[in-house]
């Protein structure tokens, strides 16, 4: 009886292409974009506008913008302004949630996610506390104030 050898297999080298890394330039651009979008919210008198930098915490998104409106009408006005100005600037809106209820409107631009709350809903969910490890910039009267975490 002859001994059979295993069939010869060719090993193929598969070159792995690593995903593009974010350069410092795109990171700055994203941060500037987040600040710009926060400014869109501030144009409609959004209250307590925060830009939260999540880049070192999660891969889900790079920035959260968290703000409040004092009434459902103001929440709608803030969300409408953010949507209109983002579209006008050529930014794609990937998802919109909560627009009909006007209590918590979420606008997803992938790298930046905007949360527009009524004050009681914002205090209930406490996103600032949940993502408390993130560096925060507080927007106020056209100025940006960094809050180290």
C-alpha atoms as a PDB file:
ATOM      1  CA  UNK A   1       0.000   0.000   0.000  1.00  0.00           C
ATOM      2  CA  UNK A   2       1.400   3.321  -0.989  1.00  0.00           C
ATOM      3  CA  UNK A   3       1.242   6.288   1.229  1.00  0.00           C
ATOM      4  CA  UNK A   4      -0.798   9.148  -0.130  1.00  0.00           C
ATOM      5  CA  UNK A   5       0.359  12.617   0.472  1.00  0.00           C
ATOM      6  CA  UNK A   6      -1.954  15.511   0.999  1.00  0.00           C
ATOM      7  CA  UNK A   7      -2.726  17.435  -2.154  1.00  0.00           C
ATOM      8  CA  UNK A   8      -0.431  20.336  -2.673  1.00  0.00           C
ATOM      9  CA  UNK A   9      -2.082  23.596  -1.793  1.00  0.00           C
ATOM     10  CA  UNK A  10      -0.946  26.897  -2.981  1.00  0.00           C
ATOM     11  CA  UNK A  11      -0.731  29.483  -0.363  1.00  0.00           C
ATOM     12  CA  UNK A  12      -2.069  32.767  -1.522  1.00  0.00           C
ATOM     13  CA  UNK A  13      -0.866  35.868   0.091  1.00  0.00           C
ATOM     14  CA  UNK A  14      -3.771  38.153   0.758  1.00  0.00           C
ATOM     15  CA  UNK A  15      -2.687  41.671   1.104  1.00  0.00           C
ATOM     16  CA  UNK A  16      -4.694  43.343   3.784  1.00  0.00           C
ATOM     17  CA  UNK A  17      -5.567  46.907   3.084  1.00  0.00           C
ATOM     18  CA  UNK A  18      -5.830  48.821   6.273  1.00  0.00           C
ATOM     19  CA  UNK A  19      -8.586  51.406   6.501  1.00  0.00           C
ATOM     20  CA  UNK A  20      -7.488  54.968   6.012  1.00  0.00           C
ATOM     21  CA  UNK A  21      -6.469  56.643   9.201  1.00  0.00           C
ATOM     22  CA  UNK A  22      -7.796  60.008  10.139  1.00  0.00           C
ATOM     23  CA  UNK A  23      -5.127  62.565   9.689  1.00  0.00           C
ATOM     24  CA  UNK A  24      -4.747  65.559  11.920  1.00  0.00           C
ATOM     25  CA  UNK A  25      -6.290  67.627   9.157  1.00  0.00           C
ATOM     26  CA  UNK A  26      -9.503  65.582   9.001  1.00  0.00           C
ATOM     27  CA  UNK A  27      -9.658  65.484  12.797  1.00  0.00           C
ATOM     28  CA  UNK A  28      -9.452  69.279  12.878  1.00  0.00           C
ATOM     29  CA  UNK A  29     -12.016  69.508  10.100  1.00  0.00           C
ATOM     30  CA  UNK A  30     -14.406  67.312  12.058  1.00  0.00           C
ATOM     31  CA  UNK A  31     -13.935  69.410  15.191  1.00  0.00           C
ATOM     32  CA  UNK A  32     -14.517  72.583  13.195  1.00  0.00           C
ATOM     33  CA  UNK A  33     -17.591  70.990  11.646  1.00  0.00           C
ATOM     34  CA  UNK A  34     -18.927  70.116  15.107  1.00  0.00           C
ATOM     35  CA  UNK A  35     -18.378  73.693  16.286  1.00  0.00           C
ATOM     36  CA  UNK A  36     -20.052  75.012  13.148  1.00  0.00           C
ATOM     37  CA  UNK A  37     -23.105  72.800  13.709  1.00  0.00           C
ATOM     38  CA  UNK A  38     -23.232  73.875  17.363  1.00  0.00           C
ATOM     39  CA  UNK A  39     -23.302  77.433  16.053  1.00  0.00           C
ATOM     40  CA  UNK A  40     -26.321  76.533  13.917  1.00  0.00           C
ATOM     41  CA  UNK A  41     -28.116  75.464  17.105  1.00  0.00           C
ATOM     42  CA  UNK A  42     -27.016  78.615  18.936  1.00  0.00           C
ATOM     43  CA  UNK A  43     -28.474  80.770  16.137  1.00  0.00           C
ATOM     44  CA  UNK A  44     -31.933  79.710  17.341  1.00  0.00           C
ATOM     45  CA  UNK A  45     -31.106  80.481  20.966  1.00  0.00           C
ATOM     46  CA  UNK A  46     -30.357  76.901  22.025  1.00  0.00           C
ATOM     47  CA  UNK A  47     -29.625  76.688  25.743  1.00  0.00           C
ATOM     48  CA  UNK A  48     -26.495  75.122  27.266  1.00  0.00           C
ATOM     49  CA  UNK A  49     -24.864  74.041  23.982  1.00  0.00           C
ATOM     50  CA  UNK A  50     -22.099  71.474  24.520  1.00  0.00           C
ATOM     51  CA  UNK A  51     -19.666  69.920  22.033  1.00  0.00           C
ATOM     52  CA  UNK A  52     -18.468  66.591  23.422  1.00  0.00           C
ATOM     53  CA  UNK A  53     -15.340  65.037  21.896  1.00  0.00           C
ATOM     54  CA  UNK A  54     -15.885  61.261  21.857  1.00  0.00           C
ATOM     55  CA  UNK A  55     -13.001  60.304  19.558  1.00  0.00           C
ATOM     56  CA  UNK A  56     -10.944  58.640  22.308  1.00  0.00           C
ATOM     57  CA  UNK A  57     -13.963  56.998  23.943  1.00  0.00           C
ATOM     58  CA  UNK A  58     -15.947  55.329  21.153  1.00  0.00           C
ATOM     59  CA  UNK A  59     -15.840  54.548  17.445  1.00  0.00           C
ATOM     60  CA  UNK A  60     -19.566  55.137  17.022  1.00  0.00           C
ATOM     61  CA  UNK A  61     -19.175  58.861  16.360  1.00  0.00           C
ATOM     62  CA  UNK A  62     -16.594  61.575  16.849  1.00  0.00           C
ATOM     63  CA  UNK A  63     -18.685  64.327  18.449  1.00  0.00           C
ATOM     64  CA  UNK A  64     -21.964  64.827  20.263  1.00  0.00           C
ATOM     65  CA  UNK A  65     -23.590  68.209  20.264  1.00  0.00           C
ATOM     66  CA  UNK A  66     -26.027  68.452  23.154  1.00  0.00           C
ATOM     67  CA  UNK A  67     -28.373  71.409  23.563  1.00  0.00           C
ATOM     68  CA  UNK A  68     -31.809  72.328  24.861  1.00  0.00           C
ATOM     69  CA  UNK A  69     -34.789  74.369  23.785  1.00  0.00           C
ATOM     70  CA  UNK A  70     -37.250  75.789  26.297  1.00  0.00           C
ATOM     71  CA  UNK A  71     -40.350  74.610  24.406  1.00  0.00           C
ATOM     72  CA  UNK A  72     -41.317  72.144  21.692  1.00  0.00           C
ATOM     73  CA  UNK A  73     -41.539  75.069  19.273  1.00  0.00           C
ATOM     74  CA  UNK A  74     -37.960  76.063  20.075  1.00  0.00           C
ATOM     75  CA  UNK A  75     -36.728  72.456  19.814  1.00  0.00           C
ATOM     76  CA  UNK A  76     -38.343  72.319  16.353  1.00  0.00           C
ATOM     77  CA  UNK A  77     -36.787  75.669  15.350  1.00  0.00           C
ATOM     78  CA  UNK A  78     -33.322  74.530  16.490  1.00  0.00           C
ATOM     79  CA  UNK A  79     -33.636  71.179  14.704  1.00  0.00           C
ATOM     80  CA  UNK A  80     -34.985  72.835  11.533  1.00  0.00           C
ATOM     81  CA  UNK A  81     -32.129  75.336  11.484  1.00  0.00           C
ATOM     82  CA  UNK A  82     -29.494  72.633  12.008  1.00  0.00           C
ATOM     83  CA  UNK A  83     -31.050  70.487   9.261  1.00  0.00           C
ATOM     84  CA  UNK A  84     -31.371  73.372   6.802  1.00  0.00           C
ATOM     85  CA  UNK A  85     -27.873  74.785   7.370  1.00  0.00           C
ATOM     86  CA  UNK A  86     -26.213  71.349   7.279  1.00  0.00           C
ATOM     87  CA  UNK A  87     -27.916  70.478   3.990  1.00  0.00           C
ATOM     88  CA  UNK A  88     -27.005  73.896   2.581  1.00  0.00           C
ATOM     89  CA  UNK A  89     -23.366  73.278   3.596  1.00  0.00           C
ATOM     90  CA  UNK A  90     -23.416  69.948   1.732  1.00  0.00           C
ATOM     91  CA  UNK A  91     -23.500  67.721   4.814  1.00  0.00           C
ATOM     92  CA  UNK A  92     -25.483  64.491   4.569  1.00  0.00           C
ATOM     93  CA  UNK A  93     -28.097  63.753   7.214  1.00  0.00           C
ATOM     94  CA  UNK A  94     -28.015  59.995   7.722  1.00  0.00           C
ATOM     95  CA  UNK A  95     -30.748  59.666  10.310  1.00  0.00           C
ATOM     96  CA  UNK A  96     -33.335  61.835  12.010  1.00  0.00           C
ATOM     97  CA  UNK A  97     -35.152  60.616  15.101  1.00  0.00           C
ATOM     98  CA  UNK A  98     -37.762  62.183  17.393  1.00  0.00           C
ATOM     99  CA  UNK A  99     -38.704  65.035  15.080  1.00  0.00           C
ATOM    100  CA  UNK A 100     -42.432  64.380  15.427  1.00  0.00           C
ATOM    101  CA  UNK A 101     -42.492  64.394  19.233  1.00  0.00           C
ATOM    102  CA  UNK A 102     -40.170  67.431  19.560  1.00  0.00           C
ATOM    103  CA  UNK A 103     -38.971  66.280  22.983  1.00  0.00           C
ATOM    104  CA  UNK A 104     -35.602  64.834  21.944  1.00  0.00           C
ATOM    105  CA  UNK A 105     -34.535  65.282  18.344  1.00  0.00           C
ATOM    106  CA  UNK A 106     -31.497  63.325  17.224  1.00  0.00           C
ATOM    107  CA  UNK A 107     -29.762  64.375  13.999  1.00  0.00           C
ATOM    108  CA  UNK A 108     -27.112  61.889  12.848  1.00  0.00           C
ATOM    109  CA  UNK A 109     -24.392  63.132  10.508  1.00  0.00           C
ATOM    110  CA  UNK A 110     -22.195  60.062  11.287  1.00  0.00           C
ATOM    111  CA  UNK A 111     -19.112  61.933  12.585  1.00  0.00           C
ATOM    112  CA  UNK A 112     -21.322  64.370  14.492  1.00  0.00           C
ATOM    113  CA  UNK A 113     -24.576  63.526  16.276  1.00  0.00           C
ATOM    114  CA  UNK A 114     -26.780  66.409  17.411  1.00  0.00           C
ATOM    115  CA  UNK A 115     -29.146  66.010  20.377  1.00  0.00           C
ATOM    116  CA  UNK A 116     -31.780  68.721  20.867  1.00  0.00           C
ATOM    117  CA  UNK A 117     -33.706  68.243  24.112  1.00  0.00           C
ATOM    118  CA  UNK A 118     -36.456  69.729  26.162  1.00  0.00           C
ATOM    119  CA  UNK A 119     -34.888  70.522  29.578  1.00  0.00           C
ATOM    120  CA  UNK A 120     -36.773  67.802  31.508  1.00  0.00           C
ATOM    121  CA  UNK A 121     -35.833  65.124  28.956  1.00  0.00           C
ATOM    122  CA  UNK A 122     -32.207  66.245  28.994  1.00  0.00           C
ATOM    123  CA  UNK A 123     -32.024  66.071  32.768  1.00  0.00           C
ATOM    124  CA  UNK A 124     -33.664  62.622  32.728  1.00  0.00           C
ATOM    125  CA  UNK A 125     -31.207  61.046  30.245  1.00  0.00           C
ATOM    126  CA  UNK A 126     -28.100  62.962  31.401  1.00  0.00           C
ATOM    127  CA  UNK A 127     -25.938  62.338  28.335  1.00  0.00           C
ATOM    128  CA  UNK A 128     -23.270  64.619  29.779  1.00  0.00           C
ATOM    129  CA  UNK A 129     -22.982  62.314  32.772  1.00  0.00           C
ATOM    130  CA  UNK A 130     -23.187  59.128  30.709  1.00  0.00           C
ATOM    131  CA  UNK A 131     -20.302  60.303  28.483  1.00  0.00           C
ATOM    132  CA  UNK A 132     -18.579  62.082  31.370  1.00  0.00           C
ATOM    133  CA  UNK A 133     -15.072  61.033  30.293  1.00  0.00           C
ATOM    134  CA  UNK A 134     -15.332  63.120  27.130  1.00  0.00           C
ATOM    135  CA  UNK A 135     -13.711  66.541  26.884  1.00  0.00           C
ATOM    136  CA  UNK A 136     -16.449  69.165  26.613  1.00  0.00           C
ATOM    137  CA  UNK A 137     -16.580  72.582  25.015  1.00  0.00           C
ATOM    138  CA  UNK A 138     -19.391  74.839  26.127  1.00  0.00           C
ATOM    139  CA  UNK A 139     -20.676  77.200  23.454  1.00  0.00           C
ATOM    140  CA  UNK A 140     -22.022  80.516  24.621  1.00  0.00           C
ATOM    141  CA  UNK A 141     -22.598  83.864  22.927  1.00  0.00           C
ATOM    142  CA  UNK A 142     -20.333  82.962  20.011  1.00  0.00           C
ATOM    143  CA  UNK A 143     -17.483  81.942  22.317  1.00  0.00           C
ATOM    144  CA  UNK A 144     -16.138  78.480  22.974  1.00  0.00           C
ATOM    145  CA  UNK A 145     -15.131  77.515  26.504  1.00  0.00           C
ATOM    146  CA  UNK A 146     -13.223  74.258  26.992  1.00  0.00           C
ATOM    147  CA  UNK A 147     -14.043  72.219  30.064  1.00  0.00           C
ATOM    148  CA  UNK A 148     -11.313  69.665  30.852  1.00  0.00           C
ATOM    149  CA  UNK A 149     -12.482  66.237  32.031  1.00  0.00           C
END
